[in-house]
PDB file of N, CA and C in Angstrom:
ATOM      1  N   UNK A   1      22.985   7.175  60.893  1.00  0.00           N
ATOM      2  CA  UNK A   1      21.429   6.431  60.115  1.00  0.00           C
ATOM      3  C   UNK A   1      20.887   5.624  61.175  1.00  0.00           C
ATOM      4  N   UNK A   2      19.684   6.069  61.084  1.00  0.00           N
ATOM      5  CA  UNK A   2      18.473   5.273  61.989  1.00  0.00           C
ATOM      6  C   UNK A   2      18.389   3.699  61.422  1.00  0.00           C
ATOM      7  N   UNK A   3      18.679   3.022  61.764  1.00  0.00           N
ATOM      8  CA  UNK A   3      17.914   1.162  60.832  1.00  0.00           C
ATOM      9  C   UNK A   3      16.841   1.191  61.626  1.00  0.00           C
ATOM     10  N   UNK A   4      15.143   1.571  60.636  1.00  0.00           N
ATOM     11  CA  UNK A   4      14.508   0.360  61.294  1.00  0.00           C
ATOM     12  C   UNK A   4      13.807  -0.749  60.765  1.00  0.00           C
ATOM     13  N   UNK A   5      13.607  -1.334  61.779  1.00  0.00           N
ATOM     14  CA  UNK A   5      12.888  -2.759  61.255  1.00  0.00           C
ATOM     15  C   UNK A   5      11.738  -3.080  60.620  1.00  0.00           C
ATOM     16  N   UNK A   6      11.852  -3.947  59.743  1.00  0.00           N
ATOM     17  CA  UNK A   6      10.758  -4.313  59.106  1.00  0.00           C
ATOM     18  C   UNK A   6       9.768  -5.226  59.220  1.00  0.00           C
ATOM     19  N   UNK A   7       9.087  -4.944  60.254  1.00  0.00           N
ATOM     20  CA  UNK A   7       8.145  -6.406  60.047  1.00  0.00           C
ATOM     21  C   UNK A   7       7.155  -6.845  59.751  1.00  0.00           C
ATOM     22  N   UNK A   8       6.748  -7.807  59.470  1.00  0.00           N
ATOM     23  CA  UNK A   8       5.742  -8.792  58.701  1.00  0.00           C
ATOM     24  C   UNK A   8       4.415  -7.520  58.028  1.00  0.00           C
ATOM     25  N   UNK A   9       3.747  -6.784  59.534  1.00  0.00           N
ATOM     26  CA  UNK A   9       2.770  -5.632  58.485  1.00  0.00           C
ATOM     27  C   UNK A   9       3.681  -4.981  58.030  1.00  0.00           C
ATOM     28  N   UNK A  10       4.203  -4.925  58.074  1.00  0.00           N
ATOM     29  CA  UNK A  10       5.206  -3.541  58.084  1.00  0.00           C
ATOM     30  C   UNK A  10       5.305  -3.805  55.840  1.00  0.00           C
ATOM     31  N   UNK A  11       6.344  -4.966  55.738  1.00  0.00           N
ATOM     32  CA  UNK A  11       6.014  -5.789  54.379  1.00  0.00           C
ATOM     33  C   UNK A  11       4.868  -6.041  54.201  1.00  0.00           C
ATOM     34  N   UNK A  12       3.489  -6.194  54.334  1.00  0.00           N
ATOM     35  CA  UNK A  12       3.039  -6.611  53.830  1.00  0.00           C
ATOM     36  C   UNK A  12       2.545  -5.088  53.211  1.00  0.00           C
ATOM     37  N   UNK A  13       2.149  -4.105  53.927  1.00  0.00           N
ATOM     38  CA  UNK A  13       1.728  -2.580  53.144  1.00  0.00           C
ATOM     39  C   UNK A  13       2.554  -3.055  52.772  1.00  0.00           C
ATOM     40  N   UNK A  14       4.045  -2.855  52.576  1.00  0.00           N
ATOM     41  CA  UNK A  14       4.393  -2.028  51.533  1.00  0.00           C
ATOM     42  C   UNK A  14       4.362  -2.730  49.966  1.00  0.00           C
ATOM     43  N   UNK A  15       4.174  -4.239  50.298  1.00  0.00           N
ATOM     44  CA  UNK A  15       3.523  -5.264  48.961  1.00  0.00           C
ATOM     45  C   UNK A  15       2.841  -5.115  48.681  1.00  0.00           C
ATOM     46  N   UNK A  16       1.448  -4.643  49.326  1.00  0.00           N
ATOM     47  CA  UNK A  16      -0.013  -3.976  48.506  1.00  0.00           C
ATOM     48  C   UNK A  16       0.388  -2.714  47.858  1.00  0.00           C
ATOM     49  N   UNK A  17       1.080  -1.934  49.162  1.00  0.00           N
ATOM     50  CA  UNK A  17       1.018  -0.623  47.891  1.00  0.00           C
ATOM     51  C   UNK A  17       2.244  -0.528  46.704  1.00  0.00           C
ATOM     52  N   UNK A  18       3.160  -1.550  47.132  1.00  0.00           N
ATOM     53  CA  UNK A  18       4.010  -1.967  45.531  1.00  0.00           C
ATOM     54  C   UNK A  18       2.239  -2.771  44.613  1.00  0.00           C
ATOM     55  N   UNK A  19       2.126  -3.564  44.652  1.00  0.00           N
ATOM     56  CA  UNK A  19       1.061  -4.422  43.820  1.00  0.00           C
ATOM     57  C   UNK A  19      -0.242  -3.579  43.133  1.00  0.00           C
ATOM     58  N   UNK A  20      -0.922  -2.258  44.377  1.00  0.00           N
ATOM     59  CA  UNK A  20      -1.802  -1.163  43.918  1.00  0.00           C
ATOM     60  C   UNK A  20      -1.073   0.201  42.285  1.00  0.00           C
ATOM     61  N   UNK A  21       0.074   0.139  42.676  1.00  0.00           N
ATOM     62  CA  UNK A  21       1.300   0.748  42.273  1.00  0.00           C
ATOM     63  C   UNK A  21       1.118   0.287  40.843  1.00  0.00           C
ATOM     64  N   UNK A  22       1.277  -0.831  40.844  1.00  0.00           N
ATOM     65  CA  UNK A  22       2.063  -1.440  39.308  1.00  0.00           C
ATOM     66  C   UNK A  22       0.569  -2.063  38.895  1.00  0.00           C
ATOM     67  N   UNK A  23      -0.691  -1.983  39.051  1.00  0.00           N
ATOM     68  CA  UNK A  23      -1.501  -2.447  39.003  1.00  0.00           C
ATOM     69  C   UNK A  23      -2.294  -1.181  38.259  1.00  0.00           C
ATOM     70  N   UNK A  24      -1.844  -0.075  38.796  1.00  0.00           N
ATOM     71  CA  UNK A  24      -2.437   1.268  37.966  1.00  0.00           C
ATOM     72  C   UNK A  24      -1.318   2.090  37.258  1.00  0.00           C
ATOM     73  N   UNK A  25      -0.185   1.566  37.050  1.00  0.00           N
ATOM     74  CA  UNK A  25       0.745   1.345  35.972  1.00  0.00           C
ATOM     75  C   UNK A  25       0.862   1.210  35.617  1.00  0.00           C
ATOM     76  N   UNK A  26       0.060  -0.585  35.088  1.00  0.00           N
ATOM     77  CA  UNK A  26      -0.601  -1.208  33.790  1.00  0.00           C
ATOM     78  C   UNK A  26      -2.280  -0.605  33.155  1.00  0.00           C
ATOM     79  N   UNK A  27      -2.380  -0.793  34.026  1.00  0.00           N
ATOM     80  CA  UNK A  27      -3.827   0.388  33.689  1.00  0.00           C
ATOM     81  C   UNK A  27      -3.351   1.868  32.761  1.00  0.00           C
ATOM     82  N   UNK A  28      -2.806   2.409  33.502  1.00  0.00           N
ATOM     83  CA  UNK A  28      -2.148   3.758  32.336  1.00  0.00           C
ATOM     84  C   UNK A  28      -1.725   3.460  30.887  1.00  0.00           C
ATOM     85  N   UNK A  29      -0.719   2.236  31.132  1.00  0.00           N
ATOM     86  CA  UNK A  29       0.449   2.038  30.128  1.00  0.00           C
ATOM     87  C   UNK A  29      -0.704   1.234  29.126  1.00  0.00           C
ATOM     88  N   UNK A  30      -2.104   0.387  29.502  1.00  0.00           N
ATOM     89  CA  UNK A  30      -2.781  -0.129  28.996  1.00  0.00           C
ATOM     90  C   UNK A  30      -3.937   1.217  28.202  1.00  0.00           C
ATOM     91  N   UNK A  31      -3.542   1.711  28.836  1.00  0.00           N
ATOM     92  CA  UNK A  31      -4.707   2.988  27.881  1.00  0.00           C
ATOM     93  C   UNK A  31      -3.694   4.294  27.517  1.00  0.00           C
ATOM     94  N   UNK A  32      -2.279   3.767  27.606  1.00  0.00           N
ATOM     95  CA  UNK A  32      -1.788   4.776  26.735  1.00  0.00           C
ATOM     96  C   UNK A  32      -1.923   3.819  25.089  1.00  0.00           C
ATOM     97  N   UNK A  33      -1.260   2.726  25.884  1.00  0.00           N
ATOM     98  CA  UNK A  33      -1.182   2.232  23.570  1.00  0.00           C
ATOM     99  C   UNK A  33      -2.692   1.524  23.504  1.00  0.00           C
ATOM    100  N   UNK A  34      -3.744   1.975  23.788  1.00  0.00           N
ATOM    101  CA  UNK A  34      -4.758   2.031  23.099  1.00  0.00           C
ATOM    102  C   UNK A  34      -5.215   3.043  22.697  1.00  0.00           C
ATOM    103  N   UNK A  35      -4.972   4.598  23.233  1.00  0.00           N
ATOM    104  CA  UNK A  35      -4.975   5.597  22.464  1.00  0.00           C
ATOM    105  C   UNK A  35      -3.640   5.787  20.945  1.00  0.00           C
ATOM    106  N   UNK A  36      -2.604   5.208  21.603  1.00  0.00           N
ATOM    107  CA  UNK A  36      -1.754   4.798  20.730  1.00  0.00           C
ATOM    108  C   UNK A  36      -2.014   4.203  19.536  1.00  0.00           C
ATOM    109  N   UNK A  37      -2.352   3.041  19.546  1.00  0.00           N
ATOM    110  CA  UNK A  37      -3.455   2.777  18.543  1.00  0.00           C
ATOM    111  C   UNK A  37      -4.634   3.486  18.037  1.00  0.00           C
ATOM    112  N   UNK A  38      -5.435   4.187  18.354  1.00  0.00           N
ATOM    113  CA  UNK A  38      -6.097   5.149  17.771  1.00  0.00           C
ATOM    114  C   UNK A  38      -5.219   6.565  16.644  1.00  0.00           C
ATOM    115  N   UNK A  39      -4.762   7.052  16.903  1.00  0.00           N
ATOM    116  CA  UNK A  39      -3.799   8.101  16.992  1.00  0.00           C
ATOM    117  C   UNK A  39      -3.389   7.593  15.418  1.00  0.00           C
ATOM    118  N   UNK A  40      -2.821   6.007  16.013  1.00  0.00           N
ATOM    119  CA  UNK A  40      -1.795   4.745  14.575  1.00  0.00           C
ATOM    120  C   UNK A  40      -2.874   5.003  13.325  1.00  0.00           C
ATOM    121  N   UNK A  41      -3.660   4.446  13.716  1.00  0.00           N
ATOM    122  CA  UNK A  41      -4.801   4.014  12.818  1.00  0.00           C
ATOM    123  C   UNK A  41      -5.501   5.576  11.917  1.00  0.00           C
ATOM    124  N   UNK A  42      -5.507   6.639  12.344  1.00  0.00           N
ATOM    125  CA  UNK A  42      -5.310   7.607  12.457  1.00  0.00           C
ATOM    126  C   UNK A  42      -5.235   8.544  11.442  1.00  0.00           C
ATOM    127  N   UNK A  43      -3.526   8.174  11.760  1.00  0.00           N
ATOM    128  CA  UNK A  43      -2.110   8.316  10.487  1.00  0.00           C
ATOM    129  C   UNK A  43      -2.280   8.104   9.640  1.00  0.00           C
ATOM    130  N   UNK A  44      -2.587   6.718   9.764  1.00  0.00           N
ATOM    131  CA  UNK A  44      -2.670   5.783   8.326  1.00  0.00           C
ATOM    132  C   UNK A  44      -3.433   6.583   7.605  1.00  0.00           C
ATOM    133  N   UNK A  45      -5.082   6.781   8.286  1.00  0.00           N
ATOM    134  CA  UNK A  45      -5.930   7.302   7.301  1.00  0.00           C
ATOM    135  C   UNK A  45      -5.461   8.703   6.208  1.00  0.00           C
ATOM    136  N   UNK A  46      -4.868   9.471   7.589  1.00  0.00           N
ATOM    137  CA  UNK A  46      -4.217  10.205   6.737  1.00  0.00           C
ATOM    138  C   UNK A  46      -2.786  10.562   5.486  1.00  0.00           C
ATOM    139  N   UNK A  47      -2.378   9.652   6.158  1.00  0.00           N
ATOM    140  CA  UNK A  47      -1.384   9.358   4.915  1.00  0.00           C
ATOM    141  C   UNK A  47      -2.460   8.428   3.319  1.00  0.00           C
ATOM    142  N   UNK A  48      -3.117   7.666   4.112  1.00  0.00           N
ATOM    143  CA  UNK A  48      -3.812   7.075   2.748  1.00  0.00           C
ATOM    144  C   UNK A  48      -4.566   8.537   1.726  1.00  0.00           C
ATOM    145  N   UNK A  49      -5.610   9.060   2.281  1.00  0.00           N
ATOM    146  CA  UNK A  49      -6.029  10.162   1.601  1.00  0.00           C
ATOM    147  C   UNK A  49      -4.750  11.009   1.049  1.00  0.00           C
ATOM    148  N   UNK A  50      -4.113  11.336   2.099  1.00  0.00           N
ATOM    149  CA  UNK A  50      -2.754  12.593   1.178  1.00  0.00           C
ATOM    150  C   UNK A  50      -2.420  11.773   0.492  1.00  0.00           C
ATOM    151  N   UNK A  51      -1.902  10.193  -0.089  1.00  0.00           N
ATOM    152  CA  UNK A  51      -0.786   9.645  -1.027  1.00  0.00           C
ATOM    153  C   UNK A  51      -3.017   9.867  -2.459  1.00  0.00           C
ATOM    154  N   UNK A  52      -3.571   9.601  -1.349  1.00  0.00           N
ATOM    155  CA  UNK A  52      -4.703   9.378  -3.136  1.00  0.00           C
ATOM    156  C   UNK A  52      -5.044  10.787  -3.659  1.00  0.00           C
ATOM    157  N   UNK A  53      -4.904  11.566  -2.396  1.00  0.00           N
ATOM    158  CA  UNK A  53      -4.489  12.878  -3.294  1.00  0.00           C
ATOM    159  C   UNK A  53      -3.544  13.004  -4.282  1.00  0.00           C
ATOM    160  N   UNK A  54      -1.788  12.162  -4.159  1.00  0.00           N
ATOM    161  CA  UNK A  54      -1.560  12.741  -4.458  1.00  0.00           C
ATOM    162  C   UNK A  54      -0.840  11.737  -6.063  1.00  0.00           C
ATOM    163  N   UNK A  55      -1.942  11.171  -6.024  1.00  0.00           N
ATOM    164  CA  UNK A  55      -2.190  10.109  -7.004  1.00  0.00           C
ATOM    165  C   UNK A  55      -3.186  10.553  -7.767  1.00  0.00           C
ATOM    166  N   UNK A  56      -4.020  11.575  -7.700  1.00  0.00           N
ATOM    167  CA  UNK A  56      -4.962  12.460  -8.393  1.00  0.00           C
ATOM    168  C   UNK A  56      -4.556  13.860  -9.241  1.00  0.00           C
ATOM    169  N   UNK A  57      -3.882  14.400  -8.420  1.00  0.00           N
ATOM    170  CA  UNK A  57      -2.898  15.345  -8.949  1.00  0.00           C
ATOM    171  C   UNK A  57      -1.929  15.239 -10.375  1.00  0.00           C
ATOM    172  N   UNK A  58      -1.100  13.331  -9.867  1.00  0.00           N
ATOM    173  CA  UNK A  58      -0.209  13.380 -10.956  1.00  0.00           C
ATOM    174  C   UNK A  58      -0.597  13.219 -11.722  1.00  0.00           C
ATOM    175  N   UNK A  59      -2.166  11.705 -11.973  1.00  0.00           N
ATOM    176  CA  UNK A  59      -2.986  11.538 -13.492  1.00  0.00           C
ATOM    177  C   UNK A  59      -3.146  12.835 -14.473  1.00  0.00           C
ATOM    178  N   UNK A  60      -3.349  13.894 -13.142  1.00  0.00           N
ATOM    179  CA  UNK A  60      -4.092  15.402 -14.264  1.00  0.00           C
ATOM    180  C   UNK A  60      -3.125  15.953 -14.332  1.00  0.00           C
ATOM    181  N   UNK A  61      -2.410  16.125 -14.212  1.00  0.00           N
ATOM    182  CA  UNK A  61      -0.858  16.455 -14.528  1.00  0.00           C
ATOM    183  C   UNK A  61      -0.348  15.901 -15.995  1.00  0.00           C
ATOM    184  N   UNK A  62      -0.461  14.499 -15.750  1.00  0.00           N
ATOM    185  CA  UNK A  62      -0.387  13.559 -16.743  1.00  0.00           C
ATOM    186  C   UNK A  62      -1.115  14.352 -18.150  1.00  0.00           C
ATOM    187  N   UNK A  63      -2.134  14.291 -18.069  1.00  0.00           N
ATOM    188  CA  UNK A  63      -3.195  14.002 -18.835  1.00  0.00           C
ATOM    189  C   UNK A  63      -3.613  15.286 -19.426  1.00  0.00           C
ATOM    190  N   UNK A  64      -2.894  16.963 -18.474  1.00  0.00           N
ATOM    191  CA  UNK A  64      -2.598  17.745 -19.090  1.00  0.00           C
ATOM    192  C   UNK A  64      -1.192  18.192 -20.436  1.00  0.00           C
ATOM    193  N   UNK A  65      -0.304  16.651 -19.617  1.00  0.00           N
ATOM    194  CA  UNK A  65       0.784  17.040 -20.250  1.00  0.00           C
ATOM    195  C   UNK A  65       0.149  16.261 -22.008  1.00  0.00           C
ATOM    196  N   UNK A  66      -0.348  15.474 -22.266  1.00  0.00           N
ATOM    197  CA  UNK A  66      -0.546  14.869 -22.911  1.00  0.00           C
ATOM    198  C   UNK A  66      -1.830  15.351 -24.261  1.00  0.00           C
ATOM    199  N   UNK A  67      -1.847  16.510 -23.391  1.00  0.00           N
ATOM    200  CA  UNK A  67      -3.328  17.268 -24.455  1.00  0.00           C
ATOM    201  C   UNK A  67      -2.696  18.179 -24.735  1.00  0.00           C
ATOM    202  N   UNK A  68      -1.546  18.897 -23.953  1.00  0.00           N
ATOM    203  CA  UNK A  68      -0.602  20.244 -24.856  1.00  0.00           C
ATOM    204  C   UNK A  68       0.146  18.950 -25.506  1.00  0.00           C
ATOM    205  N   UNK A  69       0.756  18.037 -24.628  1.00  0.00           N
ATOM    206  CA  UNK A  69       1.981  17.068 -26.762  1.00  0.00           C
ATOM    207  C   UNK A  69       0.319  16.669 -28.124  1.00  0.00           C
ATOM    208  N   UNK A  70      -0.670  16.698 -28.143  1.00  0.00           N
ATOM    209  CA  UNK A  70      -1.012  16.613 -28.920  1.00  0.00           C
ATOM    210  C   UNK A  70      -1.929  17.824 -29.540  1.00  0.00           C
ATOM    211  N   UNK A  71      -2.213  19.059 -28.326  1.00  0.00           N
ATOM    212  CA  UNK A  71      -2.243  20.045 -29.419  1.00  0.00           C
ATOM    213  C   UNK A  71      -0.272  20.658 -29.735  1.00  0.00           C
ATOM    214  N   UNK A  72       0.102  20.367 -29.475  1.00  0.00           N
ATOM    215  CA  UNK A  72       1.155  21.140 -30.342  1.00  0.00           C
ATOM    216  C   UNK A  72       1.417  20.004 -32.127  1.00  0.00           C
ATOM    217  N   UNK A  73       0.717  18.465 -31.520  1.00  0.00           N
ATOM    218  CA  UNK A  73       0.868  18.426 -32.885  1.00  0.00           C
ATOM    219  C   UNK A  73      -0.020  18.508 -34.055  1.00  0.00           C
ATOM    220  N   UNK A  74      -0.911  18.850 -33.421  1.00  0.00           N
ATOM    221  CA  UNK A  74      -2.336  19.414 -34.029  1.00  0.00           C
ATOM    222  C   UNK A  74      -1.736  20.932 -34.706  1.00  0.00           C
ATOM    223  N   UNK A  75      -1.101  22.163 -34.439  1.00  0.00           N
ATOM    224  CA  UNK A  75      -0.949  23.051 -33.995  1.00  0.00           C
ATOM    225  C   UNK A  75       0.071  22.940 -35.378  1.00  0.00           C
ATOM    226  N   UNK A  76       1.682  22.183 -35.516  1.00  0.00           N
ATOM    227  CA  UNK A  76       2.309  21.675 -36.289  1.00  0.00           C
ATOM    228  C   UNK A  76       2.460  20.864 -37.801  1.00  0.00           C
ATOM    229  N   UNK A  77       1.168  20.519 -37.566  1.00  0.00           N
ATOM    230  CA  UNK A  77       0.607  19.593 -38.968  1.00  0.00           C
ATOM    231  C   UNK A  77      -0.659  20.210 -39.093  1.00  0.00           C
TER     232      UNK A  77
END
């Protein structure tokens, strides 16, 4: 395997390339985090709406059960 000498110019080029790559990676991670935050906000909103709907269904079932019990009591009295 041939060894190549790393001159100051080559090291500077490598450092500049690495700096640019790290900067791009940070921007990409920042963008991804923002997208994830928005997706989590949307998910929380969807779950909250689903929870409200389940609670409404539960209250409707409770009201129907109470109505059926009252109707049964009236019918047997």
